[in-house]
Amino acid sequence: MTALVSRRSRRPKLFPSILLAGFLALAPVIAAGPVVGQDAAAYRLGTGDKVRITVFGEKDLSGDFDVNDQGVAALPLIGPTKLAGKTISEAETQITASYAKDYLVNPRVNVEVLNYRPFFILGEVKNPGSYPYVNGMTVVNAVALAGGYTPRAKRDHVMVKRAAKAVAGEQEVGEDAVILPGDVIRVPERFF
């Protein structure tokens, strides 16, 4: 009975240490959270995105809409609305202003991305092609989706062409670089 009591009395002392150790182990993951959130806040809508637009108190004006190949979504009452190139908050402001102009008094609008446009991976991966984007994706996650590297892959020289900065061309990135929707990843071949 004494051994049982002494084990129980040690448990509360160990618990805070275990909790602290667990928190310290997760600290890099927690710290990475806001970076992904900042990237998501800076995300600009584009062709192939599917958005949910909610006009509060107006069920008939709310729904799921596709951004078509011209960067436009066809919204009830206000018609075709250019969303490509806009951030979520810019899209909300534009749609709110459009509804407030002729149709609603003090409309409240929320825009949410349901499906992001795909990213593309080329070169020395087992299954090159386009893949659906997942929030917080990195180069190594994208390579894993594409079946992994081929034996000839030059892993330390992965190139990415950002959809948001297409004129900038390709840039070399590490395996932990964040991938955004529409990005094109190219894994070059090593020669030796």
C-alpha atoms as a PDB file:
ATOM      1  CA  MET A   1       0.000   0.000   0.000  1.00  0.00           C
ATOM      2  CA  THR A   2       2.861   2.377   0.754  1.00  0.00           C
ATOM      3  CA  ALA A   3       4.417   1.785  -2.708  1.00  0.00           C
ATOM      4  CA  LEU A   4       1.066   2.567  -4.342  1.00  0.00           C
ATOM      5  CA  VAL A   5       0.665   5.787  -2.397  1.00  0.00           C
ATOM      6  CA  SER A   6       4.201   6.899  -3.183  1.00  0.00           C
ATOM      7  CA  ARG A   7       3.631   6.295  -6.935  1.00  0.00           C
ATOM      8  CA  ARG A   8       0.499   8.402  -6.840  1.00  0.00           C
ATOM      9  CA  SER A   9       2.256  11.161  -4.973  1.00  0.00           C
ATOM     10  CA  ARG A  10       4.989  11.260  -7.653  1.00  0.00           C
ATOM     11  CA  ARG A  11       2.530  11.447 -10.534  1.00  0.00           C
ATOM     12  CA  PRO A  12       1.323  14.995  -9.853  1.00  0.00           C
ATOM     13  CA  LYS A  13       4.931  16.165  -9.668  1.00  0.00           C
ATOM     14  CA  LEU A  14       5.798  14.538 -13.005  1.00  0.00           C
ATOM     15  CA  PHE A  15       2.679  15.714 -14.813  1.00  0.00           C
ATOM     16  CA  PRO A  16       3.711  19.409 -15.065  1.00  0.00           C
ATOM     17  CA  SER A  17       7.148  18.336 -16.323  1.00  0.00           C
ATOM     18  CA  ILE A  18       5.604  16.070 -18.966  1.00  0.00           C
ATOM     19  CA  LEU A  19       3.171  18.802 -19.967  1.00  0.00           C
ATOM     20  CA  LEU A  20       6.028  21.319 -20.284  1.00  0.00           C
ATOM     21  CA  ALA A  21       8.119  18.856 -22.317  1.00  0.00           C
ATOM     22  CA  GLY A  22       5.163  18.241 -24.652  1.00  0.00           C
ATOM     23  CA  PHE A  23       4.616  21.958 -25.098  1.00  0.00           C
ATOM     24  CA  LEU A  24       8.307  22.533 -25.856  1.00  0.00           C
ATOM     25  CA  ALA A  25       8.222  19.730 -28.427  1.00  0.00           C
ATOM     26  CA  LEU A  26       5.229  21.368 -30.129  1.00  0.00           C
ATOM     27  CA  ALA A  27       6.650  24.898 -29.921  1.00  0.00           C
ATOM     28  CA  PRO A  28       8.074  24.830 -33.486  1.00  0.00           C
ATOM     29  CA  VAL A  29       4.717  23.643 -34.844  1.00  0.00           C
ATOM     30  CA  ILE A  30       2.829  26.302 -32.892  1.00  0.00           C
ATOM     31  CA  ALA A  31       5.313  28.943 -34.010  1.00  0.00           C
ATOM     32  CA  ALA A  32       4.852  27.869 -37.650  1.00  0.00           C
ATOM     33  CA  GLY A  33       1.088  28.326 -37.372  1.00  0.00           C
ATOM     34  CA  PRO A  34       1.007  32.115 -37.755  1.00  0.00           C
ATOM     35  CA  VAL A  35       3.347  31.985 -40.753  1.00  0.00           C
ATOM     36  CA  VAL A  36       0.918  29.718 -42.592  1.00  0.00           C
ATOM     37  CA  GLY A  37      -1.934  31.989 -41.467  1.00  0.00           C
ATOM     38  CA  GLN A  38      -0.120  35.037 -42.822  1.00  0.00           C
ATOM     39  CA  ASP A  39       0.368  33.245 -46.141  1.00  0.00           C
ATOM     40  CA  ALA A  40      -3.327  32.351 -46.167  1.00  0.00           C
ATOM     41  CA  ALA A  41      -4.298  35.972 -45.403  1.00  0.00           C
ATOM     42  CA  ALA A  42      -2.165  37.144 -48.328  1.00  0.00           C
ATOM     43  CA  TYR A  43      -3.646  34.496 -50.629  1.00  0.00           C
ATOM     44  CA  ARG A  44      -5.123  35.935 -53.789  1.00  0.00           C
ATOM     45  CA  LEU A  45      -8.060  34.281 -55.488  1.00  0.00           C
ATOM     46  CA  GLY A  46      -7.550  32.880 -58.956  1.00  0.00           C
ATOM     47  CA  THR A  47      -8.996  30.821 -61.772  1.00  0.00           C
ATOM     48  CA  GLY A  48     -10.095  27.407 -60.534  1.00  0.00           C
ATOM     49  CA  ASP A  49     -10.857  28.434 -56.946  1.00  0.00           C
ATOM     50  CA  LYS A  50     -14.269  27.604 -55.495  1.00  0.00           C
ATOM     51  CA  VAL A  51     -15.588  30.076 -52.919  1.00  0.00           C
ATOM     52  CA  ARG A  52     -18.519  30.157 -50.533  1.00  0.00           C
ATOM     53  CA  ILE A  53     -20.060  33.602 -50.317  1.00  0.00           C
ATOM     54  CA  THR A  54     -22.407  34.220 -47.419  1.00  0.00           C
ATOM     55  CA  VAL A  55     -24.581  37.316 -47.354  1.00  0.00           C
ATOM     56  CA  PHE A  56     -25.928  37.290 -43.800  1.00  0.00           C
ATOM     57  CA  GLY A  57     -29.705  37.340 -43.606  1.00  0.00           C
ATOM     58  CA  GLU A  58     -30.014  36.749 -47.371  1.00  0.00           C
ATOM     59  CA  LYS A  59     -30.140  33.010 -48.043  1.00  0.00           C
ATOM     60  CA  ASP A  60     -30.970  33.486 -51.749  1.00  0.00           C
ATOM     61  CA  LEU A  61     -27.811  35.544 -52.326  1.00  0.00           C
ATOM     62  CA  SER A  62     -25.491  33.111 -50.566  1.00  0.00           C
ATOM     63  CA  GLY A  63     -23.918  30.039 -52.106  1.00  0.00           C
ATOM     64  CA  ASP A  64     -20.896  28.302 -53.575  1.00  0.00           C
ATOM     65  CA  PHE A  65     -19.368  29.874 -56.679  1.00  0.00           C
ATOM     66  CA  ASP A  66     -16.537  28.984 -59.055  1.00  0.00           C
ATOM     67  CA  VAL A  67     -13.994  31.547 -60.234  1.00  0.00           C
ATOM     68  CA  ASN A  68     -14.078  30.892 -63.980  1.00  0.00           C
ATOM     69  CA  ASP A  69     -11.284  31.061 -66.546  1.00  0.00           C
ATOM     70  CA  GLN A  70     -11.739  34.838 -66.808  1.00  0.00           C
ATOM     71  CA  GLY A  71     -11.383  35.304 -63.028  1.00  0.00           C
ATOM     72  CA  VAL A  72     -15.079  36.069 -62.608  1.00  0.00           C
ATOM     73  CA  ALA A  73     -17.811  34.598 -60.383  1.00  0.00           C
ATOM     74  CA  ALA A  74     -21.472  35.021 -61.366  1.00  0.00           C
ATOM     75  CA  LEU A  75     -23.260  36.293 -58.242  1.00  0.00           C
ATOM     76  CA  PRO A  76     -27.015  36.722 -57.753  1.00  0.00           C
ATOM     77  CA  LEU A  77     -28.356  40.220 -58.508  1.00  0.00           C
ATOM     78  CA  ILE A  78     -24.958  41.846 -59.109  1.00  0.00           C
ATOM     79  CA  GLY A  79     -23.919  39.442 -61.886  1.00  0.00           C
ATOM     80  CA  PRO A  80     -20.353  38.737 -62.999  1.00  0.00           C
ATOM     81  CA  THR A  81     -17.877  39.948 -60.384  1.00  0.00           C
ATOM     82  CA  LYS A  82     -14.104  39.878 -60.926  1.00  0.00           C
ATOM     83  CA  LEU A  83     -12.510  38.063 -57.987  1.00  0.00           C
ATOM     84  CA  ALA A  84      -9.195  36.882 -59.465  1.00  0.00           C
ATOM     85  CA  GLY A  85      -6.230  38.725 -57.995  1.00  0.00           C
ATOM     86  CA  LYS A  86      -8.114  39.859 -54.907  1.00  0.00           C
ATOM     87  CA  THR A  87      -7.485  38.803 -51.322  1.00  0.00           C
ATOM     88  CA  ILE A  88     -10.409  37.435 -49.314  1.00  0.00           C
ATOM     89  CA  SER A  89     -10.945  40.761 -47.534  1.00  0.00           C
ATOM     90  CA  GLU A  90     -10.786  42.702 -50.831  1.00  0.00           C
ATOM     91  CA  ALA A  91     -13.391  40.358 -52.326  1.00  0.00           C
ATOM     92  CA  GLU A  92     -15.639  40.803 -49.274  1.00  0.00           C
ATOM     93  CA  THR A  93     -15.335  44.602 -49.545  1.00  0.00           C
ATOM     94  CA  GLN A  94     -16.104  44.594 -53.271  1.00  0.00           C
ATOM     95  CA  ILE A  95     -19.139  42.319 -52.933  1.00  0.00           C
ATOM     96  CA  THR A  96     -20.437  44.292 -49.939  1.00  0.00           C
ATOM     97  CA  ALA A  97     -20.152  47.550 -51.893  1.00  0.00           C
ATOM     98  CA  SER A  98     -21.921  46.040 -54.915  1.00  0.00           C
ATOM     99  CA  TYR A  99     -24.867  44.819 -52.847  1.00  0.00           C
ATOM    100  CA  ALA A 100     -25.027  48.064 -50.837  1.00  0.00           C
ATOM    101  CA  LYS A 101     -25.087  50.208 -53.990  1.00  0.00           C
ATOM    102  CA  ASP A 102     -28.486  49.125 -55.321  1.00  0.00           C
ATOM    103  CA  TYR A 103     -29.888  46.185 -53.400  1.00  0.00           C
ATOM    104  CA  LEU A 104     -29.274  45.921 -49.647  1.00  0.00           C
ATOM    105  CA  VAL A 105     -29.003  48.242 -46.677  1.00  0.00           C
ATOM    106  CA  ASN A 106     -25.803  47.586 -44.710  1.00  0.00           C
ATOM    107  CA  PRO A 107     -25.028  44.102 -46.113  1.00  0.00           C
ATOM    108  CA  ARG A 108     -22.588  41.835 -44.283  1.00  0.00           C
ATOM    109  CA  VAL A 109     -20.626  39.485 -46.530  1.00  0.00           C
ATOM    110  CA  ASN A 110     -18.242  36.640 -45.795  1.00  0.00           C
ATOM    111  CA  VAL A 111     -16.025  34.933 -48.402  1.00  0.00           C
ATOM    112  CA  GLU A 112     -14.449  31.554 -47.723  1.00  0.00           C
ATOM    113  CA  VAL A 113     -12.299  29.435 -50.047  1.00  0.00           C
ATOM    114  CA  LEU A 114     -13.743  25.919 -50.336  1.00  0.00           C
ATOM    115  CA  ASN A 115     -11.373  24.441 -52.924  1.00  0.00           C
ATOM    116  CA  TYR A 116      -8.066  25.975 -53.893  1.00  0.00           C
ATOM    117  CA  ARG A 117      -6.744  25.671 -57.431  1.00  0.00           C
ATOM    118  CA  PRO A 118      -4.254  22.812 -57.845  1.00  0.00           C
ATOM    119  CA  PHE A 119      -0.470  23.008 -57.772  1.00  0.00           C
ATOM    120  CA  PHE A 120       1.762  21.293 -60.326  1.00  0.00           C
ATOM    121  CA  ILE A 121       4.878  19.184 -59.898  1.00  0.00           C
ATOM    122  CA  LEU A 122       7.234  18.270 -62.738  1.00  0.00           C
ATOM    123  CA  GLY A 123      10.578  16.608 -63.245  1.00  0.00           C
ATOM    124  CA  GLU A 124      12.168  13.844 -61.230  1.00  0.00           C
ATOM    125  CA  VAL A 125       9.190  12.602 -59.221  1.00  0.00           C
ATOM    126  CA  LYS A 126       7.443   9.288 -59.763  1.00  0.00           C
ATOM    127  CA  ASN A 127       4.056  10.734 -60.777  1.00  0.00           C
ATOM    128  CA  PRO A 128       4.372  14.290 -62.150  1.00  0.00           C
ATOM    129  CA  GLY A 129       1.150  16.205 -62.688  1.00  0.00           C
ATOM    130  CA  SER A 130      -1.384  18.430 -60.968  1.00  0.00           C
ATOM    131  CA  TYR A 131      -2.564  17.769 -57.421  1.00  0.00           C
ATOM    132  CA  PRO A 132      -5.178  19.348 -55.166  1.00  0.00           C
ATOM    133  CA  TYR A 133      -3.753  21.923 -52.793  1.00  0.00           C
ATOM    134  CA  VAL A 134      -3.869  21.320 -49.049  1.00  0.00           C
ATOM    135  CA  ASN A 135      -3.428  24.259 -46.686  1.00  0.00           C
ATOM    136  CA  GLY A 136       0.064  24.476 -45.163  1.00  0.00           C
ATOM    137  CA  MET A 137       1.672  22.261 -47.820  1.00  0.00           C
ATOM    138  CA  THR A 138       5.456  22.209 -48.210  1.00  0.00           C
ATOM    139  CA  VAL A 139       7.700  20.982 -51.029  1.00  0.00           C
ATOM    140  CA  VAL A 140       8.325  17.657 -49.284  1.00  0.00           C
ATOM    141  CA  ASN A 141       4.544  17.132 -48.887  1.00  0.00           C
ATOM    142  CA  ALA A 142       4.056  17.850 -52.593  1.00  0.00           C
ATOM    143  CA  VAL A 143       6.815  15.399 -53.534  1.00  0.00           C
ATOM    144  CA  ALA A 144       5.204  12.763 -51.314  1.00  0.00           C
ATOM    145  CA  LEU A 145       1.855  13.267 -53.084  1.00  0.00           C
ATOM    146  CA  ALA A 146       3.644  12.767 -56.399  1.00  0.00           C
ATOM    147  CA  GLY A 147       5.001   9.385 -55.267  1.00  0.00           C
ATOM    148  CA  GLY A 148       8.399  10.559 -54.034  1.00  0.00           C
ATOM    149  CA  TYR A 149      11.651  11.379 -55.773  1.00  0.00           C
ATOM    150  CA  THR A 150      13.108   9.264 -58.568  1.00  0.00           C
ATOM    151  CA  PRO A 151      16.658   7.970 -58.037  1.00  0.00           C
ATOM    152  CA  ARG A 152      17.972  10.720 -60.369  1.00  0.00           C
ATOM    153  CA  ALA A 153      16.352  13.615 -58.472  1.00  0.00           C
ATOM    154  CA  LYS A 154      18.483  16.556 -57.400  1.00  0.00           C
ATOM    155  CA  ARG A 155      16.774  16.993 -54.036  1.00  0.00           C
ATOM    156  CA  ASP A 156      18.729  20.010 -52.852  1.00  0.00           C
ATOM    157  CA  HIS A 157      17.916  22.164 -55.915  1.00  0.00           C
ATOM    158  CA  VAL A 158      14.114  22.122 -56.155  1.00  0.00           C
ATOM    159  CA  MET A 159      12.754  25.011 -58.216  1.00  0.00           C
ATOM    160  CA  VAL A 160       9.377  26.728 -57.704  1.00  0.00           C
ATOM    161  CA  LYS A 161       7.562  29.153 -59.969  1.00  0.00           C
ATOM    162  CA  ARG A 162       5.074  31.086 -57.862  1.00  0.00           C
ATOM    163  CA  ALA A 163       1.649  31.614 -59.389  1.00  0.00           C
ATOM    164  CA  ALA A 164       1.386  35.000 -57.678  1.00  0.00           C
ATOM    165  CA  LYS A 165       4.779  36.098 -59.067  1.00  0.00           C
ATOM    166  CA  ALA A 166       4.895  34.369 -62.451  1.00  0.00           C
ATOM    167  CA  VAL A 167       7.014  37.117 -64.025  1.00  0.00           C
ATOM    168  CA  ALA A 168       9.737  36.521 -61.410  1.00  0.00           C
ATOM    169  CA  GLY A 169      10.448  33.081 -62.888  1.00  0.00           C
ATOM    170  CA  GLU A 170      11.687  30.080 -60.962  1.00  0.00           C
ATOM    171  CA  GLN A 171      13.440  30.309 -57.634  1.00  0.00           C
ATOM    172  CA  GLU A 172      15.382  27.656 -55.772  1.00  0.00           C
ATOM    173  CA  VAL A 173      13.773  26.561 -52.497  1.00  0.00           C
ATOM    174  CA  GLY A 174      14.340  24.004 -49.751  1.00  0.00           C
ATOM    175  CA  GLU A 175      12.137  21.029 -48.950  1.00  0.00           C
ATOM    176  CA  ASP A 176      10.463  22.966 -46.122  1.00  0.00           C
ATOM    177  CA  ALA A 177       9.336  25.859 -48.371  1.00  0.00           C
ATOM    178  CA  VAL A 178       5.594  26.536 -48.298  1.00  0.00           C
ATOM    179  CA  ILE A 179       3.692  25.826 -51.513  1.00  0.00           C
ATOM    180  CA  LEU A 180       0.692  27.913 -52.538  1.00  0.00           C
ATOM    181  CA  PRO A 181      -2.147  27.104 -54.960  1.00  0.00           C
ATOM    182  CA  GLY A 182      -1.143  27.382 -58.600  1.00  0.00           C
ATOM    183  CA  ASP A 183       2.599  27.048 -57.908  1.00  0.00           C
ATOM    184  CA  VAL A 184       4.696  24.941 -60.269  1.00  0.00           C
ATOM    185  CA  ILE A 185       7.383  22.783 -58.630  1.00  0.00           C
ATOM    186  CA  ARG A 186      10.206  21.385 -60.758  1.00  0.00           C
ATOM    187  CA  VAL A 187      12.596  18.750 -59.415  1.00  0.00           C
ATOM    188  CA  PRO A 188      15.677  18.782 -61.668  1.00  0.00           C
ATOM    189  CA  GLU A 189      17.746  15.775 -62.646  1.00  0.00           C
ATOM    190  CA  ARG A 190      21.191  15.273 -61.140  1.00  0.00           C
ATOM    191  CA  PHE A 191      23.883  14.154 -63.502  1.00  0.00           C
ATOM    192  CA  PHE A 192      26.209  12.284 -61.131  1.00  0.00           C
END
